[in-house]
Amino acid sequence: MDLTGYRATGDVARATTIPASWYTDPRMLELERRRVFEGTWQAVGHAQQVAARGSYFAADVAGEPIVVARTAGGELCAYSNVCRHRASLVASGCGKASVLRCPYHGWSYRLDGRLHAAPEFDGVEDWDSSQVCLPRMRVEVWGPFVFVNANGEAPPLGEVMGSIPEEVAGLGCPVEQLHFSARRDYVIECNWKVYVDNYLEGYHLPAAHPGLFRELDYGQYKVETFRWYSSQYAPIRAAREGEKRQYDAPLADNRALYFWIFPNFMLNVYPDNLSSNIIVPLGHDRTLTIFEWFTYPGENGPAEVKPETIAFSDEIQQEDIRICESVQRGLRSSFYDKGRFSARRENGVHHFHLLLDEALR
């Protein structure tokens, strides 16, 4: 993939967007798998899934199969889910086990990834079974999420997240006590970056999201960028007398917070729930968006997310889907290559493009 047709510019007032080919060329996604997704922290599951010793779950990072497991000794491990014999996937789903057994030829692995048994392999020369193991990956937990770094080259997760944990805690959201409540998956006919671009600016709110626009004080909406993430400050507008609103009991400082962590993880902190978005490329022009909702602990135990909350989120998501799929069609036009940024409203998108360019080069 030739990257010479674009050079990132740090000044948003002078910069252009990344080229259309970065969204439409299948070769770009293969490059991103190696240099972006394998080199960053990826949310792959819930800490509760591997809280007990002997528990595990299978997942993947942009097509790279992985396993996360809790050993009998209590260690949390992550490693490749590809058998070292003939490349079958070893584990599927989630569960509890003392060993993971490959369904192809019965090779089995301990929960720390070391080979446990290889049937009928006696007599093989220049091969030491004690040295065979599923390649390990870095794994960390924050709140309800398990993160994995496939190639081991990402900065520590705490460094990447910066002040996000403190800001979320300061809003009264105890992440260690969050209760998983609901999940919805959306498959969108667009490149994963189109969806991320759309998330990172409030510029489209007046035209594309009339319901959400009524909730927020658009004039005070702002995006701040940091080394590996950005935050969107979205004040909740005070309700007028008799006005029916989604949020009539705002946070103590009257705001919602949206965090994006490079390249594809989002946190949305609202008065009554915290939700996450994980953006997974299924192809160069097809994307899975995973929405998960978590509720805060209450006096009578954890509550479930309200149906009207999910319905409101779905309304916004359907509006975004229409926009993103329209953009993807437009990116294929022979009359479009690059665009310009609103210096006031699109600094978050510009920041994403700078990080992407850095990772790819």
Protein backbone atom coordinates (compact mmCIF):
# COMPACT_ATOMS: atom_id res chain seq x y z
CA MET A 1 0.00 0.00 0.00
CA ASP A 2 1.52 3.29 -1.13
CA LEU A 3 1.27 5.99 1.58
CA THR A 4 3.23 8.64 -0.33
CA GLY A 5 0.10 10.43 -1.55
CA TYR A 6 -0.58 11.89 1.89
CA ARG A 7 1.48 13.61 4.55
CA ALA A 8 -0.03 14.54 7.91
CA THR A 9 -0.05 18.22 8.88
CA GLY A 10 -0.16 19.17 12.55
CA ASP A 11 -2.01 22.46 12.04
CA VAL A 12 -5.72 21.60 11.70
CA ALA A 13 -6.37 24.91 9.91
CA ARG A 14 -4.01 23.84 7.12
CA ALA A 15 -4.53 20.09 7.15
CA THR A 16 -6.48 17.86 4.79
CA THR A 17 -8.28 14.65 5.66
CA ILE A 18 -6.69 11.30 4.84
CA PRO A 19 -7.21 10.22 1.19
CA ALA A 20 -10.35 8.40 0.05
CA SER A 21 -8.20 5.39 -0.89
CA TRP A 22 -7.40 4.83 2.80
CA TYR A 23 -11.09 4.05 3.27
CA THR A 24 -11.72 2.09 0.06
CA ASP A 25 -8.55 0.09 -0.71
CA PRO A 26 -8.60 -3.45 0.82
CA ARG A 27 -4.79 -3.33 1.12
CA MET A 28 -5.05 -0.55 3.68
CA LEU A 29 -6.96 -2.78 6.10
CA GLU A 30 -4.24 -5.45 5.91
CA LEU A 31 -1.66 -2.81 6.79
CA GLU A 32 -3.85 -1.55 9.64
CA ARG A 33 -4.24 -5.05 11.07
CA ARG A 34 -0.46 -5.29 11.55
CA ARG A 35 0.47 -1.72 12.42
CA VAL A 36 -2.64 -0.34 14.15
CA PHE A 37 -4.72 -3.10 15.75
CA GLU A 38 -1.93 -5.49 16.76
CA GLY A 39 0.08 -2.58 18.15
CA THR A 40 -2.62 -1.07 20.39
CA TRP A 41 -4.70 -2.09 23.40
CA GLN A 42 -7.89 -3.80 22.25
CA ALA A 43 -10.95 -4.43 24.44
CA VAL A 44 -11.78 -8.10 23.92
CA GLY A 45 -14.17 -9.10 26.72
CA HIS A 46 -15.34 -8.64 30.28
CA ALA A 47 -13.25 -9.18 33.39
CA GLN A 48 -16.18 -11.07 34.94
CA GLN A 49 -15.81 -13.76 32.25
CA VAL A 50 -12.38 -14.71 33.64
CA ALA A 51 -12.83 -13.85 37.30
CA ALA A 52 -12.84 -17.51 38.41
CA ARG A 53 -9.77 -19.74 38.22
CA GLY A 54 -9.98 -22.09 35.26
CA SER A 55 -12.22 -19.77 33.24
CA TYR A 56 -11.47 -18.63 29.70
CA PHE A 57 -12.96 -16.97 26.64
CA ALA A 58 -11.99 -16.82 22.96
CA ALA A 59 -11.98 -13.57 20.99
CA ASP A 60 -10.10 -11.93 18.17
CA VAL A 61 -8.29 -8.68 17.44
CA ALA A 62 -9.13 -7.54 13.90
CA GLY A 63 -9.03 -11.16 12.72
CA GLU A 64 -6.22 -12.37 15.02
CA PRO A 65 -7.65 -15.24 17.16
CA ILE A 66 -6.82 -15.01 20.88
CA VAL A 67 -7.66 -16.69 24.20
CA VAL A 68 -7.88 -15.01 27.60
CA ALA A 69 -7.76 -17.34 30.62
CA ARG A 70 -7.37 -17.37 34.40
CA THR A 71 -4.95 -20.13 35.45
CA ALA A 72 -5.36 -22.39 38.45
CA GLY A 73 -2.81 -20.19 40.20
CA GLY A 74 -4.87 -17.06 39.52
CA GLU A 75 -2.73 -15.53 36.76
CA LEU A 76 -4.57 -13.75 33.94
CA CYS A 77 -3.10 -14.76 30.58
CA ALA A 78 -3.69 -13.95 26.93
CA TYR A 79 -2.22 -15.87 24.01
CA SER A 80 -2.74 -16.94 20.42
CA ASN A 81 -5.72 -19.24 19.79
CA VAL A 82 -4.00 -21.00 16.89
CA CYS A 83 -2.73 -24.56 17.46
CA ARG A 84 1.02 -24.91 16.91
CA HIS A 85 0.48 -28.13 14.97
CA ARG A 86 -1.74 -27.41 11.95
CA ALA A 87 -3.25 -23.99 12.73
CA SER A 88 -6.73 -24.97 13.85
CA LEU A 89 -8.40 -22.66 16.36
CA VAL A 90 -8.05 -24.29 19.77
CA ALA A 91 -10.83 -22.75 21.87
CA SER A 92 -14.25 -21.31 21.11
CA GLY A 93 -16.79 -19.47 23.19
CA CYS A 94 -16.17 -19.34 26.92
CA GLY A 95 -16.23 -21.70 29.87
CA LYS A 96 -14.12 -23.42 32.52
CA ALA A 97 -11.50 -26.12 31.93
CA SER A 98 -8.19 -27.45 33.20
CA VAL A 99 -6.80 -27.67 29.65
CA LEU A 100 -7.85 -26.40 26.23
CA ARG A 101 -8.03 -29.15 23.61
CA CYS A 102 -7.66 -28.54 19.88
CA PRO A 103 -10.64 -30.12 18.04
CA TYR A 104 -8.52 -31.15 15.03
CA HIS A 105 -5.92 -33.64 16.35
CA GLY A 106 -6.43 -33.45 20.11
CA TRP A 107 -3.40 -31.41 21.09
CA SER A 108 -4.08 -29.81 24.47
CA TYR A 109 -2.72 -26.73 26.21
CA ARG A 110 -2.62 -25.61 29.82
CA LEU A 111 -4.39 -22.36 30.67
CA ASP A 112 -1.05 -20.52 30.64
CA GLY A 113 -0.61 -21.54 26.98
CA ARG A 114 2.00 -24.29 27.48
CA LEU A 115 1.56 -27.56 25.58
CA HIS A 116 0.01 -30.24 27.79
CA ALA A 117 -0.13 -33.20 25.40
CA ALA A 118 0.43 -34.04 21.71
CA PRO A 119 -1.03 -37.51 20.95
CA GLU A 120 1.06 -39.93 18.86
CA PHE A 121 3.97 -37.54 18.47
CA ASP A 122 6.63 -39.86 19.81
CA GLY A 123 9.51 -40.42 17.41
CA VAL A 124 9.47 -36.90 15.99
CA GLU A 125 13.05 -35.64 15.82
CA ASP A 126 14.43 -32.18 16.59
CA TRP A 127 11.29 -31.30 18.54
CA ASP A 128 11.02 -30.54 22.25
CA SER A 129 7.44 -30.56 23.54
CA SER A 130 8.45 -28.60 26.65
CA GLN A 131 9.31 -25.63 24.44
CA VAL A 132 5.96 -25.58 22.63
CA CYS A 133 3.47 -22.97 23.79
CA LEU A 134 0.83 -20.66 22.37
CA PRO A 135 2.49 -17.25 21.89
CA ARG A 136 1.72 -14.95 24.81
CA MET A 137 0.28 -11.44 24.61
CA ARG A 138 0.04 -8.61 27.10
CA VAL A 139 -3.23 -8.38 29.00
CA GLU A 140 -4.61 -5.78 31.43
CA VAL A 141 -7.94 -5.04 33.09
CA TRP A 142 -9.66 -1.71 33.61
CA GLY A 143 -13.07 -1.71 35.23
CA PRO A 144 -15.28 -4.28 33.48
CA PHE A 145 -13.02 -4.55 30.41
CA VAL A 146 -10.18 -6.90 29.48
CA PHE A 147 -7.64 -5.34 27.10
CA VAL A 148 -5.04 -7.24 25.06
CA ASN A 149 -2.00 -5.96 23.15
CA ALA A 150 -1.10 -8.55 20.52
CA ASN A 151 2.43 -7.53 19.51
CA GLY A 152 3.60 -6.25 22.91
CA GLU A 153 4.64 -2.84 21.55
CA ALA A 154 1.92 -0.59 23.00
CA PRO A 155 2.67 1.78 25.90
CA PRO A 156 1.25 0.64 29.28
CA LEU A 157 -2.55 0.81 29.35
CA GLY A 158 -2.47 3.35 32.18
CA GLU A 159 -0.29 5.66 30.08
CA VAL A 160 -2.61 5.35 27.09
CA MET A 161 -5.72 6.11 29.17
CA GLY A 162 -4.16 9.14 30.84
CA SER A 163 -6.62 10.93 33.12
CA ILE A 164 -9.71 9.03 31.89
CA PRO A 165 -9.98 6.79 35.00
CA GLU A 166 -9.77 9.80 37.33
CA GLU A 167 -12.30 11.80 35.30
CA VAL A 168 -14.79 8.93 35.21
CA ALA A 169 -14.36 8.34 38.94
CA GLY A 170 -14.82 12.06 39.55
CA LEU A 171 -18.23 11.89 37.90
CA GLY A 172 -19.35 9.29 40.43
CA CYS A 173 -18.98 6.27 38.13
CA PRO A 174 -17.25 3.44 40.07
CA VAL A 175 -15.97 1.34 37.17
CA GLU A 176 -15.06 -1.61 39.41
CA GLN A 177 -18.73 -1.90 40.38
CA LEU A 178 -20.34 -1.38 36.98
CA HIS A 179 -23.07 -3.88 36.19
CA PHE A 180 -23.31 -5.22 32.63
CA SER A 181 -26.88 -4.73 31.47
CA ALA A 182 -27.29 -4.97 27.68
CA ARG A 183 -25.55 -5.34 24.33
CA ARG A 184 -26.49 -4.54 20.75
CA ASP A 185 -24.46 -5.22 17.61
CA TYR A 186 -24.74 -3.22 14.40
CA VAL A 187 -23.15 -4.18 11.07
CA ILE A 188 -22.55 -1.07 8.97
CA GLU A 189 -21.58 -0.94 5.30
CA CYS A 190 -18.64 1.43 5.73
CA ASN A 191 -14.94 1.43 6.55
CA TRP A 192 -14.23 1.39 10.30
CA LYS A 193 -12.51 4.79 10.07
CA VAL A 194 -15.65 6.40 8.66
CA TYR A 195 -17.46 5.46 11.86
CA VAL A 196 -14.62 6.69 14.08
CA ASP A 197 -14.44 9.99 12.16
CA ASN A 198 -18.16 10.47 12.73
CA TYR A 199 -17.89 9.77 16.46
CA LEU A 200 -15.10 12.28 16.99
CA GLU A 201 -16.96 15.48 16.14
CA GLY A 202 -20.16 17.19 17.20
CA TYR A 203 -20.22 19.22 13.98
CA HIS A 204 -22.93 16.95 12.52
CA LEU A 205 -25.27 17.16 15.54
CA PRO A 206 -27.55 19.98 14.28
CA ALA A 207 -28.12 18.33 10.88
CA ALA A 208 -28.02 14.62 11.71
CA HIS A 209 -29.20 14.18 15.33
CA PRO A 210 -32.21 16.37 16.14
CA GLY A 211 -33.08 14.36 19.27
CA LEU A 212 -29.58 14.49 20.75
CA PHE A 213 -29.21 18.12 19.66
CA ARG A 214 -32.19 19.02 21.88
CA GLU A 215 -30.45 17.44 24.88
CA LEU A 216 -27.09 19.20 24.59
CA ASP A 217 -25.83 22.76 24.69
CA TYR A 218 -24.20 22.74 21.26
CA GLY A 219 -22.62 26.16 21.71
CA GLN A 220 -20.53 24.81 24.61
CA TYR A 221 -19.65 21.49 22.92
CA LYS A 222 -15.89 21.06 22.66
CA VAL A 223 -13.28 18.39 21.93
CA GLU A 224 -9.94 18.15 23.72
CA THR A 225 -7.12 15.97 22.39
CA PHE A 226 -4.39 14.15 24.34
CA ARG A 227 -1.55 11.82 23.38
CA TRP A 228 -3.57 8.67 22.79
CA TYR A 229 -7.17 9.76 23.30
CA SER A 230 -9.63 12.59 23.04
CA SER A 231 -12.56 13.73 25.16
CA GLN A 232 -15.73 15.48 24.15
CA TYR A 233 -17.32 17.83 26.63
CA ALA A 234 -21.06 17.90 26.06
CA PRO A 235 -23.06 20.01 28.54
CA ILE A 236 -26.62 18.83 29.05
CA ARG A 237 -29.02 21.70 28.38
CA ALA A 238 -31.38 22.66 31.18
CA ALA A 239 -34.97 21.61 30.47
CA ARG A 240 -37.58 24.28 29.96
CA GLU A 241 -40.77 24.15 31.98
CA GLY A 242 -43.02 21.35 30.74
CA GLU A 243 -40.40 20.09 28.23
CA LYS A 244 -40.09 16.30 27.96
CA ARG A 245 -36.42 15.36 27.86
CA GLN A 246 -34.29 12.22 27.91
CA TYR A 247 -32.11 13.66 30.69
CA ASP A 248 -34.06 15.70 33.19
CA ALA A 249 -31.72 14.88 36.11
CA PRO A 250 -28.23 15.75 34.80
CA LEU A 251 -24.88 14.97 36.37
CA ALA A 252 -23.64 17.13 39.22
CA ASP A 253 -21.72 19.35 36.81
CA ASN A 254 -24.43 19.12 34.15
CA ARG A 255 -22.59 17.25 31.41
CA ALA A 256 -22.11 14.04 29.53
CA LEU A 257 -18.60 12.87 28.66
CA TYR A 258 -17.44 11.00 25.59
CA PHE A 259 -13.96 9.45 25.46
CA TRP A 260 -12.24 7.90 22.47
CA ILE A 261 -9.08 5.83 22.87
CA PHE A 262 -6.98 5.17 19.75
CA PRO A 263 -7.91 3.46 17.57
CA ASN A 264 -11.41 2.02 18.13
CA PHE A 265 -12.69 2.15 21.73
CA MET A 266 -15.23 4.66 23.03
CA LEU A 267 -16.77 5.39 26.43
CA ASN A 268 -19.98 7.37 26.82
CA VAL A 269 -20.68 8.56 30.37
CA TYR A 270 -24.27 9.67 31.00
CA PRO A 271 -26.22 10.52 34.17
CA ASP A 272 -27.78 7.07 34.48
CA ASN A 273 -25.39 4.71 32.66
CA LEU A 274 -21.99 4.16 31.07
CA SER A 275 -21.83 2.64 27.62
CA SER A 276 -18.96 1.49 25.43
CA ASN A 277 -18.55 1.23 21.67
CA ILE A 278 -16.02 -1.14 20.14
CA ILE A 279 -15.47 -0.68 16.41
CA VAL A 280 -14.38 -3.90 14.66
CA PRO A 281 -13.44 -4.00 10.96
CA LEU A 282 -15.11 -6.94 9.19
CA GLY A 283 -13.71 -5.88 5.82
CA HIS A 284 -12.45 -2.73 4.14
CA ASP A 285 -16.04 -1.52 3.68
CA ARG A 286 -17.90 -3.37 6.45
CA THR A 287 -17.79 -2.66 10.18
CA LEU A 288 -19.20 -4.21 13.35
CA THR A 289 -20.12 -1.73 16.08
CA ILE A 290 -20.59 -3.33 19.51
CA PHE A 291 -22.63 -1.29 21.99
CA GLU A 292 -22.64 -2.36 25.64
CA TRP A 293 -24.43 -0.69 28.54
CA PHE A 294 -23.40 -0.75 32.19
CA THR A 295 -25.35 0.65 35.13
CA TYR A 296 -24.14 2.09 38.41
CA PRO A 297 -24.61 0.45 41.81
CA GLY A 298 -27.67 1.60 43.76
CA GLU A 299 -29.08 1.25 47.23
CA ASN A 300 -31.09 -1.80 46.18
CA GLY A 301 -28.36 -3.37 44.06
CA PRO A 302 -27.54 -2.80 40.39
CA ALA A 303 -30.38 -1.70 38.16
CA GLU A 304 -30.86 -2.61 34.51
CA VAL A 305 -30.49 -0.03 31.78
CA LYS A 306 -33.84 1.56 30.98
CA PRO A 307 -35.54 0.46 27.71
CA GLU A 308 -35.99 4.12 26.75
CA THR A 309 -32.22 4.62 27.12
CA ILE A 310 -31.53 1.85 24.61
CA ALA A 311 -34.27 3.14 22.32
CA PHE A 312 -32.76 6.66 22.39
CA SER A 313 -29.30 5.26 21.67
CA ASP A 314 -30.70 3.17 18.82
CA GLU A 315 -32.33 6.26 17.32
CA ILE A 316 -28.96 8.03 17.29
CA GLN A 317 -27.19 4.95 15.94
CA GLN A 318 -29.63 4.57 13.04
CA GLU A 319 -29.01 8.21 12.14
CA ASP A 320 -25.25 7.62 12.24
CA ILE A 321 -25.56 4.46 10.14
CA ARG A 322 -27.34 6.37 7.37
CA ILE A 323 -24.65 9.07 7.40
CA CYS A 324 -21.70 6.63 7.50
CA GLU A 325 -23.02 4.48 4.68
CA SER A 326 -23.66 7.62 2.62
CA VAL A 327 -20.07 8.74 3.24
CA GLN A 328 -18.69 5.35 2.19
CA ARG A 329 -20.56 5.57 -1.11
CA GLY A 330 -19.24 9.09 -1.62
CA LEU A 331 -15.65 8.03 -0.93
CA ARG A 332 -15.80 5.77 -4.00
CA SER A 333 -16.48 8.76 -6.25
CA SER A 334 -13.81 9.62 -8.82
CA PHE A 335 -14.48 13.30 -8.02
CA TYR A 336 -13.40 13.14 -4.34
CA ASP A 337 -10.02 12.51 -2.75
CA LYS A 338 -9.46 14.69 0.34
CA GLY A 339 -11.44 17.25 2.31
CA ARG A 340 -10.67 20.06 4.76
CA PHE A 341 -11.40 20.35 8.50
CA SER A 342 -13.49 22.81 10.44
CA ALA A 343 -10.77 24.16 12.72
CA ARG A 344 -13.41 24.87 15.36
CA ARG A 345 -15.33 21.58 15.24
CA GLU A 346 -13.18 18.81 13.75
CA ASN A 347 -9.95 18.84 15.76
CA GLY A 348 -10.84 15.39 17.12
CA VAL A 349 -10.99 13.88 13.62
CA HIS A 350 -7.72 15.60 12.73
CA HIS A 351 -6.11 14.15 15.88
CA PHE A 352 -7.26 10.64 14.88
CA HIS A 353 -5.74 11.05 11.41
CA LEU A 354 -2.43 12.17 12.92
CA LEU A 355 -2.28 9.09 15.18
CA LEU A 356 -3.27 6.81 12.31
CA ASP A 357 -0.58 8.27 10.06
CA GLU A 358 1.99 7.87 12.86
CA ALA A 359 1.10 4.21 13.40
CA LEU A 360 1.08 3.32 9.73
CA ARG A 361 4.50 4.87 9.07
